[in-house]
Amino acid sequence: MTRSTRERILEEALRLFAERGYAATSVAEIESASGLSPGAGGLYRHFRSKYEVLAAAVNERAVRVEARIAEMGAADPAAPVAERLAALCEAGLAGIGEESELVRVFFRDLGSFPELVGVVRAGLLQPMFDAIGSWLCAQPEYAGADLDRSAVGAVLGGSLVHCLLFEETVGEPPGRAERERFVASWVSLALGLLPAPHGCPREPELSQT
Protein backbone atom coordinates (compact mmCIF):
# COMPACT_ATOMS: atom_id res chain seq x y z
CA MET A 1 0.00 0.00 0.00
CA THR A 2 1.37 3.39 -0.99
CA ARG A 3 2.05 5.64 1.97
CA SER A 4 0.69 9.16 1.91
CA THR A 5 3.10 12.07 2.28
CA ARG A 6 1.82 12.64 5.81
CA GLU A 7 2.48 9.00 6.72
CA ARG A 8 5.98 9.15 5.26
CA ILE A 9 6.76 12.28 7.26
CA LEU A 10 5.56 10.68 10.51
CA GLU A 11 7.43 7.41 9.95
CA GLU A 12 10.69 9.01 8.85
CA ALA A 13 10.56 11.66 11.57
CA LEU A 14 10.10 9.05 14.30
CA ARG A 15 12.96 7.02 12.85
CA LEU A 16 15.26 10.06 12.83
CA PHE A 17 14.19 11.12 16.33
CA ALA A 18 15.00 7.61 17.56
CA GLU A 19 18.39 7.54 15.83
CA ARG A 20 19.59 11.10 16.47
CA GLY A 21 17.32 12.66 19.05
CA TYR A 22 14.61 15.25 18.59
CA ALA A 23 16.83 18.31 19.00
CA ALA A 24 19.49 17.00 16.60
CA THR A 25 16.98 16.33 13.80
CA SER A 26 16.15 19.23 11.49
CA VAL A 27 12.98 19.81 9.49
CA ALA A 28 15.07 19.69 6.30
CA GLU A 29 16.38 16.24 7.25
CA ILE A 30 12.83 14.98 7.84
CA GLU A 31 11.78 16.40 4.46
CA SER A 32 14.71 14.74 2.70
CA ALA A 33 14.06 11.36 4.32
CA SER A 34 10.38 11.65 3.39
CA GLY A 35 11.12 12.22 -0.29
CA LEU A 36 10.46 15.96 -0.17
CA SER A 37 12.81 18.72 -1.27
CA PRO A 38 14.86 19.57 1.84
CA GLY A 39 14.35 23.11 3.05
CA ALA A 40 11.50 23.81 0.63
CA GLY A 41 8.85 23.79 3.34
CA GLY A 42 6.94 20.72 2.16
CA LEU A 43 6.58 19.48 5.74
CA TYR A 44 4.66 22.61 6.68
CA ARG A 45 1.87 21.72 4.28
CA HIS A 46 0.99 18.90 6.68
CA PHE A 47 2.28 20.07 10.08
CA ARG A 48 2.77 23.47 11.64
CA SER A 49 6.05 22.59 13.35
CA LYS A 50 8.54 19.86 14.11
CA TYR A 51 6.91 19.49 17.52
CA GLU A 52 3.54 18.84 15.87
CA VAL A 53 5.17 16.04 13.85
CA LEU A 54 6.50 14.50 17.07
CA ALA A 55 3.15 14.83 18.84
CA ALA A 56 1.24 13.27 15.92
CA ALA A 57 3.70 10.39 15.62
CA VAL A 58 3.57 9.64 19.35
CA ASN A 59 -0.23 9.87 19.52
CA GLU A 60 -0.88 7.70 16.47
CA ARG A 61 1.66 5.05 17.42
CA ALA A 62 0.34 4.90 20.98
CA VAL A 63 -3.22 4.29 19.77
CA ARG A 64 -2.01 1.53 17.45
CA VAL A 65 0.05 -0.14 20.17
CA GLU A 66 -2.76 -0.04 22.73
CA ALA A 67 -5.07 -1.90 20.34
CA ARG A 68 -2.43 -4.54 19.61
CA ILE A 69 -1.47 -5.08 23.25
CA ALA A 70 -5.09 -5.76 24.14
CA GLU A 71 -4.93 -8.87 21.93
CA MET A 72 -1.57 -10.23 23.02
CA GLY A 73 -0.92 -13.50 24.79
CA ALA A 74 -3.65 -15.64 23.24
CA ALA A 75 -2.69 -19.25 23.91
CA ASP A 76 -4.19 -22.70 24.17
CA PRO A 77 -5.81 -22.82 27.65
CA ALA A 78 -5.05 -26.53 27.78
CA ALA A 79 -1.29 -25.89 27.52
CA PRO A 80 0.80 -25.88 30.72
CA VAL A 81 0.98 -22.53 32.49
CA ALA A 82 4.71 -22.20 31.78
CA GLU A 83 4.11 -22.57 28.05
CA ARG A 84 1.31 -19.98 28.13
CA LEU A 85 3.56 -17.59 30.03
CA ALA A 86 6.32 -18.09 27.45
CA ALA A 87 3.85 -17.24 24.69
CA LEU A 88 2.82 -14.13 26.61
CA CYS A 89 6.44 -13.06 26.99
CA GLU A 90 7.16 -13.60 23.29
CA ALA A 91 4.05 -11.62 22.34
CA GLY A 92 5.03 -8.77 24.64
CA LEU A 93 8.57 -8.62 23.25
CA ALA A 94 7.25 -8.69 19.69
CA GLY A 95 4.75 -5.93 20.41
CA ILE A 96 7.31 -3.64 22.01
CA GLY A 97 9.88 -4.51 19.37
CA GLU A 98 7.56 -3.29 16.63
CA GLU A 99 7.51 0.08 18.37
CA SER A 100 11.17 0.23 19.36
CA GLU A 101 11.52 3.69 17.81
CA LEU A 102 8.71 5.04 19.97
CA VAL A 103 10.27 3.48 23.08
CA ARG A 104 13.66 5.03 22.29
CA VAL A 105 12.17 8.47 21.69
CA PHE A 106 10.20 8.15 24.92
CA PHE A 107 13.24 7.48 27.07
CA ARG A 108 15.56 9.85 25.20
CA ASP A 109 13.52 12.97 24.54
CA LEU A 110 10.02 13.00 25.98
CA GLY A 111 11.11 14.24 29.40
CA SER A 112 11.06 17.66 27.75
CA PHE A 113 7.44 17.17 26.70
CA PRO A 114 5.44 16.00 29.74
CA GLU A 115 2.17 16.07 27.84
CA LEU A 116 3.56 13.43 25.45
CA VAL A 117 4.95 11.35 28.31
CA GLY A 118 1.36 10.90 29.41
CA VAL A 119 0.35 9.76 25.93
CA VAL A 120 3.03 7.05 25.78
CA ARG A 121 2.38 5.99 29.34
CA ALA A 122 -1.34 5.66 28.64
CA GLY A 123 -0.97 4.15 25.18
CA LEU A 124 2.05 1.84 25.51
CA LEU A 125 3.43 1.29 28.99
CA GLN A 126 0.34 1.12 31.18
CA PRO A 127 -1.63 -1.02 28.70
CA MET A 128 1.30 -3.45 28.64
CA PHE A 129 1.30 -3.71 32.42
CA ASP A 130 -2.50 -3.93 32.60
CA ALA A 131 -2.68 -6.56 29.85
CA ILE A 132 -0.22 -8.82 31.66
CA GLY A 133 -2.08 -8.46 34.95
CA SER A 134 -5.44 -9.09 33.30
CA TRP A 135 -4.06 -12.08 31.39
CA LEU A 136 -2.81 -13.64 34.61
CA CYS A 137 -6.14 -13.19 36.35
CA ALA A 138 -7.95 -14.69 33.35
CA GLN A 139 -6.07 -17.98 33.60
CA PRO A 140 -8.25 -20.63 35.25
CA GLU A 141 -5.47 -21.67 37.62
CA TYR A 142 -5.40 -18.21 39.19
CA ALA A 143 -9.11 -17.35 39.19
CA GLY A 144 -9.89 -15.74 42.52
CA ALA A 145 -6.26 -15.91 43.67
CA ASP A 146 -4.89 -13.24 46.00
CA LEU A 147 -2.79 -11.54 43.32
CA ASP A 148 -1.64 -7.93 43.18
CA ARG A 149 -2.02 -7.90 39.42
CA SER A 150 -1.03 -4.25 38.91
CA ALA A 151 2.29 -4.74 40.72
CA VAL A 152 3.02 -8.12 39.11
CA GLY A 153 2.11 -6.68 35.70
CA ALA A 154 4.45 -3.75 36.28
CA VAL A 155 7.37 -6.00 37.27
CA LEU A 156 6.91 -8.39 34.36
CA GLY A 157 6.03 -5.71 31.81
CA GLY A 158 8.84 -3.46 32.97
CA SER A 159 11.37 -6.22 32.36
CA LEU A 160 10.13 -6.58 28.77
CA VAL A 161 10.45 -2.84 28.13
CA HIS A 162 13.94 -2.80 29.68
CA CYS A 163 15.07 -5.77 27.58
CA LEU A 164 14.07 -4.15 24.29
CA LEU A 165 15.38 -0.71 25.29
CA PHE A 166 18.73 -2.23 26.28
CA GLU A 167 19.01 -4.09 23.00
CA GLU A 168 18.15 -0.95 21.03
CA THR A 169 20.62 1.31 22.83
CA VAL A 170 23.53 -1.06 23.59
CA GLY A 171 23.20 -3.39 20.61
CA GLU A 172 23.05 -6.64 22.56
CA PRO A 173 20.65 -8.29 25.00
CA PRO A 174 20.96 -7.41 28.69
CA GLY A 175 23.42 -9.76 30.31
CA ARG A 176 24.10 -11.11 26.80
CA ALA A 177 21.25 -13.52 27.45
CA GLU A 178 19.83 -14.59 24.11
CA ARG A 179 16.07 -14.51 23.63
CA GLU A 180 15.40 -18.14 24.58
CA ARG A 181 17.21 -17.77 27.91
CA PHE A 182 15.52 -14.45 28.63
CA VAL A 183 12.07 -15.92 28.01
CA ALA A 184 12.80 -18.94 30.20
CA SER A 185 14.02 -16.71 33.03
CA TRP A 186 11.01 -14.41 32.60
CA VAL A 187 8.72 -17.41 32.98
CA SER A 188 10.62 -18.47 36.11
CA LEU A 189 10.21 -14.97 37.52
CA ALA A 190 6.50 -14.97 36.73
CA LEU A 191 5.95 -18.37 38.35
CA GLY A 192 7.82 -17.16 41.42
CA LEU A 193 5.56 -14.12 41.72
CA LEU A 194 2.37 -16.11 41.26
CA PRO A 195 0.62 -18.27 43.86
CA ALA A 196 0.59 -22.01 43.23
CA PRO A 197 -2.25 -22.90 40.83
CA HIS A 198 -5.44 -23.96 42.61
CA GLY A 199 -5.26 -27.57 43.75
CA CYS A 200 -1.95 -28.15 42.00
CA PRO A 201 1.71 -28.18 43.00
CA ARG A 202 3.77 -25.35 41.57
CA GLU A 203 4.36 -25.89 37.87
CA PRO A 204 7.85 -26.84 36.68
CA GLU A 205 9.69 -24.03 34.96
CA LEU A 206 10.90 -24.03 31.38
CA SER A 207 14.37 -25.39 30.83
CA GLN A 208 17.02 -22.80 29.97
CA THR A 209 19.29 -25.29 28.30
C-alpha atoms as a PDB file:
ATOM      1  CA  MET A   1       0.000   0.000   0.000  1.00  0.00           C
ATOM      2  CA  THR A   2       1.369   3.394  -0.993  1.00  0.00           C
ATOM      3  CA  ARG A   3       2.049   5.642   1.970  1.00  0.00           C
ATOM      4  CA  SER A   4       0.692   9.163   1.912  1.00  0.00           C
ATOM      5  CA  THR A   5       3.104  12.066   2.276  1.00  0.00           C
ATOM      6  CA  ARG A   6       1.819  12.636   5.808  1.00  0.00           C
ATOM      7  CA  GLU A   7       2.478   9.001   6.722  1.00  0.00           C
ATOM      8  CA  ARG A   8       5.984   9.150   5.258  1.00  0.00           C
ATOM      9  CA  ILE A   9       6.763  12.280   7.264  1.00  0.00           C
ATOM     10  CA  LEU A  10       5.564  10.676  10.511  1.00  0.00           C
ATOM     11  CA  GLU A  11       7.429   7.410   9.953  1.00  0.00           C
ATOM     12  CA  GLU A  12      10.686   9.009   8.850  1.00  0.00           C
ATOM     13  CA  ALA A  13      10.556  11.657  11.565  1.00  0.00           C
ATOM     14  CA  LEU A  14      10.101   9.051  14.296  1.00  0.00           C
ATOM     15  CA  ARG A  15      12.965   7.022  12.854  1.00  0.00           C
ATOM     16  CA  LEU A  16      15.256  10.057  12.829  1.00  0.00           C
ATOM     17  CA  PHE A  17      14.187  11.124  16.326  1.00  0.00           C
ATOM     18  CA  ALA A  18      14.995   7.609  17.564  1.00  0.00           C
ATOM     19  CA  GLU A  19      18.386   7.543  15.829  1.00  0.00           C
ATOM     20  CA  ARG A  20      19.594  11.099  16.474  1.00  0.00           C
ATOM     21  CA  GLY A  21      17.320  12.661  19.054  1.00  0.00           C
ATOM     22  CA  TYR A  22      14.606  15.254  18.595  1.00  0.00           C
ATOM     23  CA  ALA A  23      16.828  18.314  19.004  1.00  0.00           C
ATOM     24  CA  ALA A  24      19.485  17.002  16.598  1.00  0.00           C
ATOM     25  CA  THR A  25      16.984  16.327  13.796  1.00  0.00           C
ATOM     26  CA  SER A  26      16.152  19.234  11.487  1.00  0.00           C
ATOM     27  CA  VAL A  27      12.981  19.810   9.491  1.00  0.00           C
ATOM     28  CA  ALA A  28      15.070  19.688   6.305  1.00  0.00           C
ATOM     29  CA  GLU A  29      16.376  16.236   7.254  1.00  0.00           C
ATOM     30  CA  ILE A  30      12.828  14.984   7.840  1.00  0.00           C
ATOM     31  CA  GLU A  31      11.783  16.398   4.463  1.00  0.00           C
ATOM     32  CA  SER A  32      14.711  14.742   2.698  1.00  0.00           C
ATOM     33  CA  ALA A  33      14.056  11.355   4.321  1.00  0.00           C
ATOM     34  CA  SER A  34      10.378  11.652   3.394  1.00  0.00           C
ATOM     35  CA  GLY A  35      11.123  12.219  -0.286  1.00  0.00           C
ATOM     36  CA  LEU A  36      10.457  15.962  -0.170  1.00  0.00           C
ATOM     37  CA  SER A  37      12.810  18.725  -1.269  1.00  0.00           C
ATOM     38  CA  PRO A  38      14.856  19.570   1.839  1.00  0.00           C
ATOM     39  CA  GLY A  39      14.354  23.107   3.047  1.00  0.00           C
ATOM     40  CA  ALA A  40      11.505  23.810   0.633  1.00  0.00           C
ATOM     41  CA  GLY A  41       8.849  23.788   3.339  1.00  0.00           C
ATOM     42  CA  GLY A  42       6.939  20.716   2.163  1.00  0.00           C
ATOM     43  CA  LEU A  43       6.583  19.477   5.741  1.00  0.00           C
ATOM     44  CA  TYR A  44       4.658  22.613   6.681  1.00  0.00           C
ATOM     45  CA  ARG A  45       1.867  21.722   4.283  1.00  0.00           C
ATOM     46  CA  HIS A  46       0.989  18.905   6.681  1.00  0.00           C
ATOM     47  CA  PHE A  47       2.276  20.073  10.077  1.00  0.00           C
ATOM     48  CA  ARG A  48       2.774  23.469  11.635  1.00  0.00           C
ATOM     49  CA  SER A  49       6.055  22.588  13.352  1.00  0.00           C
ATOM     50  CA  LYS A  50       8.544  19.863  14.112  1.00  0.00           C
ATOM     51  CA  TYR A  51       6.909  19.491  17.520  1.00  0.00           C
ATOM     52  CA  GLU A  52       3.542  18.839  15.873  1.00  0.00           C
ATOM     53  CA  VAL A  53       5.173  16.036  13.852  1.00  0.00           C
ATOM     54  CA  LEU A  54       6.503  14.499  17.072  1.00  0.00           C
ATOM     55  CA  ALA A  55       3.153  14.831  18.839  1.00  0.00           C
ATOM     56  CA  ALA A  56       1.242  13.272  15.925  1.00  0.00           C
ATOM     57  CA  ALA A  57       3.703  10.388  15.620  1.00  0.00           C
ATOM     58  CA  VAL A  58       3.568   9.642  19.346  1.00  0.00           C
ATOM     59  CA  ASN A  59      -0.227   9.869  19.518  1.00  0.00           C
ATOM     60  CA  GLU A  60      -0.882   7.704  16.469  1.00  0.00           C
ATOM     61  CA  ARG A  61       1.661   5.049  17.422  1.00  0.00           C
ATOM     62  CA  ALA A  62       0.341   4.903  20.977  1.00  0.00           C
ATOM     63  CA  VAL A  63      -3.218   4.290  19.768  1.00  0.00           C
ATOM     64  CA  ARG A  64      -2.013   1.526  17.453  1.00  0.00           C
ATOM     65  CA  VAL A  65       0.049  -0.138  20.173  1.00  0.00           C
ATOM     66  CA  GLU A  66      -2.762  -0.043  22.728  1.00  0.00           C
ATOM     67  CA  ALA A  67      -5.070  -1.896  20.337  1.00  0.00           C
ATOM     68  CA  ARG A  68      -2.426  -4.540  19.608  1.00  0.00           C
ATOM     69  CA  ILE A  69      -1.465  -5.084  23.245  1.00  0.00           C
ATOM     70  CA  ALA A  70      -5.093  -5.761  24.142  1.00  0.00           C
ATOM     71  CA  GLU A  71      -4.930  -8.867  21.931  1.00  0.00           C
ATOM     72  CA  MET A  72      -1.565 -10.229  23.018  1.00  0.00           C
ATOM     73  CA  GLY A  73      -0.921 -13.499  24.786  1.00  0.00           C
ATOM     74  CA  ALA A  74      -3.654 -15.640  23.239  1.00  0.00           C
ATOM     75  CA  ALA A  75      -2.690 -19.253  23.913  1.00  0.00           C
ATOM     76  CA  ASP A  76      -4.195 -22.699  24.173  1.00  0.00           C
ATOM     77  CA  PRO A  77      -5.811 -22.818  27.650  1.00  0.00           C
ATOM     78  CA  ALA A  78      -5.046 -26.534  27.782  1.00  0.00           C
ATOM     79  CA  ALA A  79      -1.293 -25.894  27.524  1.00  0.00           C
ATOM     80  CA  PRO A  80       0.805 -25.881  30.717  1.00  0.00           C
ATOM     81  CA  VAL A  81       0.985 -22.530  32.492  1.00  0.00           C
ATOM     82  CA  ALA A  82       4.713 -22.203  31.778  1.00  0.00           C
ATOM     83  CA  GLU A  83       4.110 -22.565  28.048  1.00  0.00           C
ATOM     84  CA  ARG A  84       1.314 -19.980  28.132  1.00  0.00           C
ATOM     85  CA  LEU A  85       3.562 -17.587  30.025  1.00  0.00           C
ATOM     86  CA  ALA A  86       6.318 -18.087  27.446  1.00  0.00           C
ATOM     87  CA  ALA A  87       3.848 -17.237  24.686  1.00  0.00           C
ATOM     88  CA  LEU A  88       2.816 -14.127  26.614  1.00  0.00           C
ATOM     89  CA  CYS A  89       6.444 -13.058  26.993  1.00  0.00           C
ATOM     90  CA  GLU A  90       7.156 -13.598  23.291  1.00  0.00           C
ATOM     91  CA  ALA A  91       4.050 -11.624  22.337  1.00  0.00           C
ATOM     92  CA  GLY A  92       5.035  -8.767  24.635  1.00  0.00           C
ATOM     93  CA  LEU A  93       8.571  -8.619  23.252  1.00  0.00           C
ATOM     94  CA  ALA A  94       7.251  -8.686  19.694  1.00  0.00           C
ATOM     95  CA  GLY A  95       4.749  -5.927  20.412  1.00  0.00           C
ATOM     96  CA  ILE A  96       7.306  -3.637  22.014  1.00  0.00           C
ATOM     97  CA  GLY A  97       9.885  -4.515  19.368  1.00  0.00           C
ATOM     98  CA  GLU A  98       7.563  -3.294  16.629  1.00  0.00           C
ATOM     99  CA  GLU A  99       7.506   0.083  18.371  1.00  0.00           C
ATOM    100  CA  SER A 100      11.173   0.235  19.362  1.00  0.00           C
ATOM    101  CA  GLU A 101      11.519   3.688  17.813  1.00  0.00           C
ATOM    102  CA  LEU A 102       8.707   5.037  19.965  1.00  0.00           C
ATOM    103  CA  VAL A 103      10.269   3.485  23.079  1.00  0.00           C
ATOM    104  CA  ARG A 104      13.664   5.030  22.290  1.00  0.00           C
ATOM    105  CA  VAL A 105      12.168   8.472  21.693  1.00  0.00           C
ATOM    106  CA  PHE A 106      10.198   8.148  24.924  1.00  0.00           C
ATOM    107  CA  PHE A 107      13.244   7.484  27.070  1.00  0.00           C
ATOM    108  CA  ARG A 108      15.559   9.851  25.203  1.00  0.00           C
ATOM    109  CA  ASP A 109      13.516  12.971  24.536  1.00  0.00           C
ATOM    110  CA  LEU A 110      10.021  13.005  25.978  1.00  0.00           C
ATOM    111  CA  GLY A 111      11.113  14.241  29.400  1.00  0.00           C
ATOM    112  CA  SER A 112      11.065  17.663  27.752  1.00  0.00           C
ATOM    113  CA  PHE A 113       7.435  17.170  26.701  1.00  0.00           C
ATOM    114  CA  PRO A 114       5.442  16.004  29.743  1.00  0.00           C
ATOM    115  CA  GLU A 115       2.167  16.067  27.836  1.00  0.00           C
ATOM    116  CA  LEU A 116       3.562  13.429  25.449  1.00  0.00           C
ATOM    117  CA  VAL A 117       4.949  11.351  28.311  1.00  0.00           C
ATOM    118  CA  GLY A 118       1.357  10.896  29.411  1.00  0.00           C
ATOM    119  CA  VAL A 119       0.348   9.763  25.929  1.00  0.00           C
ATOM    120  CA  VAL A 120       3.031   7.053  25.778  1.00  0.00           C
ATOM    121  CA  ARG A 121       2.380   5.985  29.344  1.00  0.00           C
ATOM    122  CA  ALA A 122      -1.340   5.663  28.640  1.00  0.00           C
ATOM    123  CA  GLY A 123      -0.971   4.148  25.176  1.00  0.00           C
ATOM    124  CA  LEU A 124       2.045   1.841  25.507  1.00  0.00           C
ATOM    125  CA  LEU A 125       3.429   1.293  28.988  1.00  0.00           C
ATOM    126  CA  GLN A 126       0.341   1.123  31.183  1.00  0.00           C
ATOM    127  CA  PRO A 127      -1.629  -1.022  28.704  1.00  0.00           C
ATOM    128  CA  MET A 128       1.302  -3.449  28.635  1.00  0.00           C
ATOM    129  CA  PHE A 129       1.301  -3.713  32.424  1.00  0.00           C
ATOM    130  CA  ASP A 130      -2.495  -3.932  32.595  1.00  0.00           C
ATOM    131  CA  ALA A 131      -2.676  -6.558  29.854  1.00  0.00           C
ATOM    132  CA  ILE A 132      -0.223  -8.817  31.656  1.00  0.00           C
ATOM    133  CA  GLY A 133      -2.081  -8.458  34.952  1.00  0.00           C
ATOM    134  CA  SER A 134      -5.440  -9.088  33.298  1.00  0.00           C
ATOM    135  CA  TRP A 135      -4.063 -12.076  31.393  1.00  0.00           C
ATOM    136  CA  LEU A 136      -2.806 -13.636  34.606  1.00  0.00           C
ATOM    137  CA  CYS A 137      -6.144 -13.192  36.346  1.00  0.00           C
ATOM    138  CA  ALA A 138      -7.947 -14.692  33.348  1.00  0.00           C
ATOM    139  CA  GLN A 139      -6.074 -17.975  33.598  1.00  0.00           C
ATOM    140  CA  PRO A 140      -8.245 -20.626  35.248  1.00  0.00           C
ATOM    141  CA  GLU A 141      -5.468 -21.668  37.623  1.00  0.00           C
ATOM    142  CA  TYR A 142      -5.403 -18.209  39.191  1.00  0.00           C
ATOM    143  CA  ALA A 143      -9.106 -17.355  39.188  1.00  0.00           C
ATOM    144  CA  GLY A 144      -9.890 -15.740  42.522  1.00  0.00           C
ATOM    145  CA  ALA A 145      -6.262 -15.907  43.671  1.00  0.00           C
ATOM    146  CA  ASP A 146      -4.892 -13.241  45.998  1.00  0.00           C
ATOM    147  CA  LEU A 147      -2.791 -11.541  43.322  1.00  0.00           C
ATOM    148  CA  ASP A 148      -1.635  -7.932  43.175  1.00  0.00           C
ATOM    149  CA  ARG A 149      -2.021  -7.898  39.421  1.00  0.00           C
ATOM    150  CA  SER A 150      -1.025  -4.253  38.910  1.00  0.00           C
ATOM    151  CA  ALA A 151       2.290  -4.744  40.717  1.00  0.00           C
ATOM    152  CA  VAL A 152       3.020  -8.117  39.107  1.00  0.00           C
ATOM    153  CA  GLY A 153       2.109  -6.682  35.695  1.00  0.00           C
ATOM    154  CA  ALA A 154       4.450  -3.746  36.278  1.00  0.00           C
ATOM    155  CA  VAL A 155       7.365  -6.003  37.272  1.00  0.00           C
ATOM    156  CA  LEU A 156       6.909  -8.393  34.362  1.00  0.00           C
ATOM    157  CA  GLY A 157       6.026  -5.706  31.811  1.00  0.00           C
ATOM    158  CA  GLY A 158       8.841  -3.461  32.966  1.00  0.00           C
ATOM    159  CA  SER A 159      11.372  -6.221  32.364  1.00  0.00           C
ATOM    160  CA  LEU A 160      10.132  -6.582  28.770  1.00  0.00           C
ATOM    161  CA  VAL A 161      10.451  -2.844  28.132  1.00  0.00           C
ATOM    162  CA  HIS A 162      13.936  -2.803  29.676  1.00  0.00           C
ATOM    163  CA  CYS A 163      15.067  -5.774  27.583  1.00  0.00           C
ATOM    164  CA  LEU A 164      14.068  -4.154  24.294  1.00  0.00           C
ATOM    165  CA  LEU A 165      15.382  -0.713  25.292  1.00  0.00           C
ATOM    166  CA  PHE A 166      18.726  -2.226  26.285  1.00  0.00           C
ATOM    167  CA  GLU A 167      19.010  -4.094  22.996  1.00  0.00           C
ATOM    168  CA  GLU A 168      18.152  -0.954  21.033  1.00  0.00           C
ATOM    169  CA  THR A 169      20.622   1.305  22.835  1.00  0.00           C
ATOM    170  CA  VAL A 170      23.532  -1.065  23.592  1.00  0.00           C
ATOM    171  CA  GLY A 171      23.200  -3.389  20.613  1.00  0.00           C
ATOM    172  CA  GLU A 172      23.049  -6.643  22.559  1.00  0.00           C
ATOM    173  CA  PRO A 173      20.652  -8.294  25.002  1.00  0.00           C
ATOM    174  CA  PRO A 174      20.959  -7.412  28.691  1.00  0.00           C
ATOM    175  CA  GLY A 175      23.420  -9.764  30.313  1.00  0.00           C
ATOM    176  CA  ARG A 176      24.098 -11.112  26.802  1.00  0.00           C
ATOM    177  CA  ALA A 177      21.253 -13.525  27.448  1.00  0.00           C
ATOM    178  CA  GLU A 178      19.830 -14.592  24.108  1.00  0.00           C
ATOM    179  CA  ARG A 179      16.072 -14.511  23.625  1.00  0.00           C
ATOM    180  CA  GLU A 180      15.398 -18.140  24.578  1.00  0.00           C
ATOM    181  CA  ARG A 181      17.213 -17.767  27.912  1.00  0.00           C
ATOM    182  CA  PHE A 182      15.522 -14.452  28.628  1.00  0.00           C
ATOM    183  CA  VAL A 183      12.067 -15.921  28.008  1.00  0.00           C
ATOM    184  CA  ALA A 184      12.801 -18.945  30.198  1.00  0.00           C
ATOM    185  CA  SER A 185      14.019 -16.708  33.027  1.00  0.00           C
ATOM    186  CA  TRP A 186      11.013 -14.406  32.605  1.00  0.00           C
ATOM    187  CA  VAL A 187       8.721 -17.406  32.979  1.00  0.00           C
ATOM    188  CA  SER A 188      10.624 -18.472  36.110  1.00  0.00           C
ATOM    189  CA  LEU A 189      10.211 -14.968  37.521  1.00  0.00           C
ATOM    190  CA  ALA A 190       6.499 -14.975  36.729  1.00  0.00           C
ATOM    191  CA  LEU A 191       5.951 -18.367  38.352  1.00  0.00           C
ATOM    192  CA  GLY A 192       7.824 -17.157  41.420  1.00  0.00           C
ATOM    193  CA  LEU A 193       5.560 -14.118  41.719  1.00  0.00           C
ATOM    194  CA  LEU A 194       2.368 -16.114  41.262  1.00  0.00           C
ATOM    195  CA  PRO A 195       0.625 -18.269  43.858  1.00  0.00           C
ATOM    196  CA  ALA A 196       0.592 -22.006  43.226  1.00  0.00           C
ATOM    197  CA  PRO A 197      -2.249 -22.902  40.831  1.00  0.00           C
ATOM    198  CA  HIS A 198      -5.438 -23.958  42.610  1.00  0.00           C
ATOM    199  CA  GLY A 199      -5.260 -27.565  43.748  1.00  0.00           C
ATOM    200  CA  CYS A 200      -1.950 -28.145  42.000  1.00  0.00           C
ATOM    201  CA  PRO A 201       1.710 -28.182  42.998  1.00  0.00           C
ATOM    202  CA  ARG A 202       3.773 -25.351  41.566  1.00  0.00           C
ATOM    203  CA  GLU A 203       4.361 -25.894  37.870  1.00  0.00           C
ATOM    204  CA  PRO A 204       7.855 -26.844  36.685  1.00  0.00           C
ATOM    205  CA  GLU A 205       9.688 -24.035  34.956  1.00  0.00           C
ATOM    206  CA  LEU A 206      10.898 -24.028  31.383  1.00  0.00           C
ATOM    207  CA  SER A 207      14.370 -25.389  30.830  1.00  0.00           C
ATOM    208  CA  GLN A 208      17.019 -22.801  29.975  1.00  0.00           C
ATOM    209  CA  THR A 209      19.291 -25.291  28.300  1.00  0.00           C
END
